Amino acid sequence: MNFGQAIEALKAGQMVQRQGWNGKGMHIYLEQGRHLPLSAGIEKGTTRIYDPVICMYTAQGTHQPGWLASQADILAEDWQTVDG
């Protein structure tokens, strides 16, 4: 699928990846906005509101918020959904 279709799949709650990504298990997903109460610091006791963000599950097994597409990613036709 193309990048536009991959974005639509993200919006529908699916995870997607490029067929060409060679890192084990790498994929991206849409993290919906969150409301998190702060338990420390100057804003302790307040709630921080986060907007939705595209996150990447990395080859190292971590979650990286704020993934940005490269021009190659945007023009690629090898996007696919991920089971799981």
N, C-alpha and C. Protein backbone atom coordinates (compact mmCIF):
# COMPACT_ATOMS: atom_id res chain seq x y z
N MET A 1 0.84 -1.18 0.00
CA MET A 1 0.00 0.00 0.00
C MET A 1 0.88 1.24 0.00
N ASN A 2 0.30 2.38 -0.33
CA ASN A 2 1.06 3.62 -0.34
C ASN A 2 0.96 4.32 1.02
N PHE A 3 1.66 5.45 1.16
CA PHE A 3 1.72 6.15 2.44
C PHE A 3 0.35 6.64 2.90
N GLY A 4 -0.46 7.14 1.98
CA GLY A 4 -1.80 7.59 2.34
C GLY A 4 -2.64 6.45 2.91
N GLN A 5 -2.52 5.28 2.31
CA GLN A 5 -3.25 4.12 2.82
C GLN A 5 -2.70 3.69 4.18
N ALA A 6 -1.40 3.82 4.36
CA ALA A 6 -0.79 3.50 5.66
C ALA A 6 -1.31 4.43 6.74
N ILE A 7 -1.45 5.72 6.43
CA ILE A 7 -1.98 6.69 7.39
C ILE A 7 -3.43 6.33 7.74
N GLU A 8 -4.22 5.97 6.75
CA GLU A 8 -5.61 5.57 7.00
C GLU A 8 -5.65 4.33 7.90
N ALA A 9 -4.74 3.39 7.68
CA ALA A 9 -4.67 2.20 8.53
C ALA A 9 -4.32 2.58 9.97
N LEU A 10 -3.39 3.52 10.14
CA LEU A 10 -3.04 4.00 11.48
C LEU A 10 -4.27 4.60 12.16
N LYS A 11 -5.01 5.43 11.44
CA LYS A 11 -6.20 6.07 11.99
C LYS A 11 -7.26 5.04 12.38
N ALA A 12 -7.25 3.90 11.71
CA ALA A 12 -8.21 2.83 12.00
C ALA A 12 -7.71 1.92 13.13
N GLY A 13 -6.56 2.26 13.73
CA GLY A 13 -6.05 1.50 14.86
C GLY A 13 -5.09 0.38 14.52
N GLN A 14 -4.66 0.31 13.26
CA GLN A 14 -3.73 -0.74 12.87
C GLN A 14 -2.29 -0.27 13.02
N MET A 15 -1.37 -1.22 13.07
CA MET A 15 0.05 -0.95 13.05
C MET A 15 0.53 -1.18 11.62
N VAL A 16 1.51 -0.38 11.17
CA VAL A 16 2.03 -0.55 9.81
C VAL A 16 3.55 -0.50 9.82
N GLN A 17 4.12 -1.02 8.75
CA GLN A 17 5.56 -1.01 8.57
C GLN A 17 5.89 -1.00 7.09
N ARG A 18 7.11 -0.59 6.80
CA ARG A 18 7.62 -0.72 5.43
C ARG A 18 8.16 -2.13 5.25
N GLN A 19 7.87 -2.70 4.12
CA GLN A 19 8.39 -4.04 3.81
C GLN A 19 9.92 -4.02 3.83
N GLY A 20 10.51 -2.88 3.47
CA GLY A 20 11.96 -2.76 3.39
C GLY A 20 12.65 -2.53 4.73
N TRP A 21 11.90 -2.27 5.79
CA TRP A 21 12.55 -2.09 7.10
C TRP A 21 13.11 -3.42 7.55
N ASN A 22 14.38 -3.44 7.90
CA ASN A 22 15.01 -4.72 8.22
C ASN A 22 15.19 -4.94 9.72
N GLY A 23 14.76 -4.01 10.56
CA GLY A 23 14.83 -4.21 12.00
C GLY A 23 13.72 -5.13 12.46
N LYS A 24 14.05 -6.11 13.29
CA LYS A 24 13.06 -7.10 13.74
C LYS A 24 11.90 -6.43 14.47
N GLY A 25 10.71 -6.59 13.93
CA GLY A 25 9.51 -6.11 14.60
C GLY A 25 9.23 -4.62 14.48
N MET A 26 10.06 -3.88 13.75
CA MET A 26 9.84 -2.44 13.64
C MET A 26 8.50 -2.15 12.99
N HIS A 27 7.76 -1.21 13.59
CA HIS A 27 6.49 -0.78 13.02
C HIS A 27 6.12 0.56 13.65
N ILE A 28 5.11 1.19 13.09
CA ILE A 28 4.61 2.43 13.66
C ILE A 28 3.14 2.26 14.01
N TYR A 29 2.69 3.08 14.95
CA TYR A 29 1.29 3.04 15.38
C TYR A 29 0.90 4.42 15.87
N LEU A 30 -0.39 4.66 15.93
CA LEU A 30 -0.90 5.95 16.38
C LEU A 30 -1.23 5.85 17.86
N GLU A 31 -0.55 6.64 18.66
CA GLU A 31 -0.82 6.71 20.10
C GLU A 31 -1.84 7.82 20.29
N GLN A 32 -3.01 7.47 20.79
CA GLN A 32 -4.05 8.47 21.00
C GLN A 32 -3.65 9.41 22.13
N GLY A 33 -4.24 10.58 22.15
CA GLY A 33 -3.92 11.55 23.19
C GLY A 33 -4.14 10.99 24.58
N ARG A 34 -3.40 11.49 25.53
CA ARG A 34 -3.48 11.02 26.91
C ARG A 34 -3.60 12.18 27.87
N HIS A 35 -4.16 11.88 29.03
CA HIS A 35 -4.20 12.82 30.15
C HIS A 35 -3.43 12.15 31.28
N LEU A 36 -2.30 12.72 31.66
CA LEU A 36 -1.47 12.12 32.70
C LEU A 36 -1.30 13.07 33.88
N PRO A 37 -1.67 12.61 35.08
CA PRO A 37 -1.44 13.44 36.26
C PRO A 37 0.05 13.48 36.60
N LEU A 38 0.54 14.64 36.95
CA LEU A 38 1.95 14.80 37.30
C LEU A 38 2.12 14.64 38.80
N SER A 39 3.07 13.81 39.19
CA SER A 39 3.27 13.53 40.61
C SER A 39 4.52 14.17 41.19
N ALA A 40 5.24 14.93 40.38
CA ALA A 40 6.46 15.58 40.86
C ALA A 40 6.71 16.86 40.07
N GLY A 41 7.62 17.64 40.56
CA GLY A 41 8.03 18.85 39.85
C GLY A 41 7.13 20.03 40.13
N ILE A 42 7.41 21.11 39.43
CA ILE A 42 6.72 22.37 39.67
C ILE A 42 5.23 22.29 39.35
N GLU A 43 4.85 21.40 38.43
CA GLU A 43 3.45 21.26 38.05
C GLU A 43 2.76 20.10 38.76
N LYS A 44 3.36 19.61 39.86
CA LYS A 44 2.79 18.50 40.62
C LYS A 44 1.32 18.76 40.93
N GLY A 45 0.50 17.73 40.73
CA GLY A 45 -0.92 17.83 41.00
C GLY A 45 -1.76 18.28 39.81
N THR A 46 -1.11 18.68 38.73
CA THR A 46 -1.85 19.07 37.53
C THR A 46 -1.88 17.90 36.56
N THR A 47 -2.68 18.03 35.54
CA THR A 47 -2.78 17.00 34.51
C THR A 47 -2.20 17.53 33.21
N ARG A 48 -1.31 16.77 32.63
CA ARG A 48 -0.73 17.13 31.34
C ARG A 48 -1.53 16.45 30.25
N ILE A 49 -1.93 17.20 29.23
CA ILE A 49 -2.72 16.67 28.13
C ILE A 49 -1.82 16.53 26.90
N TYR A 50 -1.77 15.33 26.36
CA TYR A 50 -0.95 15.04 25.18
C TYR A 50 -1.85 14.84 23.97
N ASP A 51 -1.46 15.39 22.84
CA ASP A 51 -2.16 15.17 21.57
C ASP A 51 -1.75 13.82 21.00
N PRO A 52 -2.52 13.28 20.04
CA PRO A 52 -2.13 12.04 19.38
C PRO A 52 -0.78 12.20 18.68
N VAL A 53 -0.03 11.10 18.61
CA VAL A 53 1.31 11.12 18.02
C VAL A 53 1.60 9.76 17.38
N ILE A 54 2.33 9.77 16.27
CA ILE A 54 2.77 8.52 15.66
C ILE A 54 4.03 8.07 16.38
N CYS A 55 4.02 6.82 16.84
CA CYS A 55 5.16 6.24 17.55
C CYS A 55 5.74 5.10 16.73
N MET A 56 7.04 4.87 16.92
CA MET A 56 7.69 3.72 16.28
C MET A 56 8.09 2.73 17.36
N TYR A 57 7.81 1.45 17.09
CA TYR A 57 8.37 0.38 17.89
C TYR A 57 9.69 0.04 17.22
N THR A 58 10.79 0.22 17.94
CA THR A 58 12.12 0.11 17.35
C THR A 58 12.65 -1.32 17.36
N ALA A 59 13.73 -1.54 16.62
CA ALA A 59 14.39 -2.84 16.59
C ALA A 59 14.97 -3.21 17.95
N GLN A 60 15.19 -2.21 18.81
CA GLN A 60 15.73 -2.45 20.15
C GLN A 60 14.63 -2.76 21.17
N GLY A 61 13.37 -2.75 20.72
CA GLY A 61 12.26 -3.07 21.60
C GLY A 61 11.76 -1.91 22.44
N THR A 62 12.05 -0.68 22.00
CA THR A 62 11.58 0.50 22.71
C THR A 62 10.53 1.22 21.86
N HIS A 63 9.80 2.12 22.49
CA HIS A 63 8.78 2.90 21.80
C HIS A 63 9.28 4.33 21.67
N GLN A 64 9.35 4.84 20.44
CA GLN A 64 9.86 6.17 20.16
C GLN A 64 8.72 7.06 19.67
N PRO A 65 8.24 7.98 20.53
CA PRO A 65 7.18 8.89 20.09
C PRO A 65 7.72 9.95 19.13
N GLY A 66 6.86 10.43 18.27
CA GLY A 66 7.23 11.52 17.37
C GLY A 66 7.92 11.06 16.11
N TRP A 67 7.64 9.86 15.62
CA TRP A 67 8.25 9.37 14.38
C TRP A 67 7.88 10.31 13.23
N LEU A 68 8.86 10.60 12.40
CA LEU A 68 8.64 11.44 11.21
C LEU A 68 9.00 10.66 9.96
N ALA A 69 8.18 10.75 8.95
CA ALA A 69 8.42 10.05 7.68
C ALA A 69 9.48 10.77 6.87
N SER A 70 10.35 9.99 6.24
CA SER A 70 11.30 10.54 5.28
C SER A 70 10.61 10.68 3.92
N GLN A 71 11.27 11.34 2.99
CA GLN A 71 10.69 11.42 1.64
C GLN A 71 10.56 10.03 1.04
N ALA A 72 11.53 9.16 1.32
CA ALA A 72 11.45 7.79 0.81
C ALA A 72 10.23 7.07 1.38
N ASP A 73 9.96 7.28 2.68
CA ASP A 73 8.78 6.66 3.30
C ASP A 73 7.49 7.19 2.66
N ILE A 74 7.42 8.48 2.43
CA ILE A 74 6.22 9.10 1.87
C ILE A 74 5.93 8.60 0.45
N LEU A 75 6.98 8.38 -0.33
CA LEU A 75 6.81 7.96 -1.72
C LEU A 75 6.76 6.45 -1.91
N ALA A 76 7.02 5.70 -0.85
CA ALA A 76 7.09 4.24 -0.94
C ALA A 76 5.72 3.61 -1.21
N GLU A 77 5.76 2.47 -1.87
CA GLU A 77 4.56 1.68 -2.15
C GLU A 77 4.62 0.32 -1.46
N ASP A 78 5.53 0.18 -0.48
CA ASP A 78 5.72 -1.13 0.18
C ASP A 78 5.21 -1.14 1.62
N TRP A 79 4.27 -0.27 1.96
CA TRP A 79 3.69 -0.27 3.30
C TRP A 79 2.77 -1.47 3.46
N GLN A 80 2.74 -2.02 4.66
CA GLN A 80 1.87 -3.15 4.95
C GLN A 80 1.41 -3.10 6.40
N THR A 81 0.27 -3.70 6.67
CA THR A 81 -0.21 -3.76 8.05
C THR A 81 0.53 -4.87 8.79
N VAL A 82 0.55 -4.74 10.12
CA VAL A 82 1.24 -5.69 10.98
C VAL A 82 0.22 -6.36 11.87
N ASP A 83 0.29 -7.68 11.98
CA ASP A 83 -0.59 -8.40 12.89
C ASP A 83 -0.07 -8.25 14.32
N GLY A 84 -0.99 -8.28 15.27
CA GLY A 84 -0.56 -8.25 16.66
C GLY A 84 -1.17 -7.13 17.37
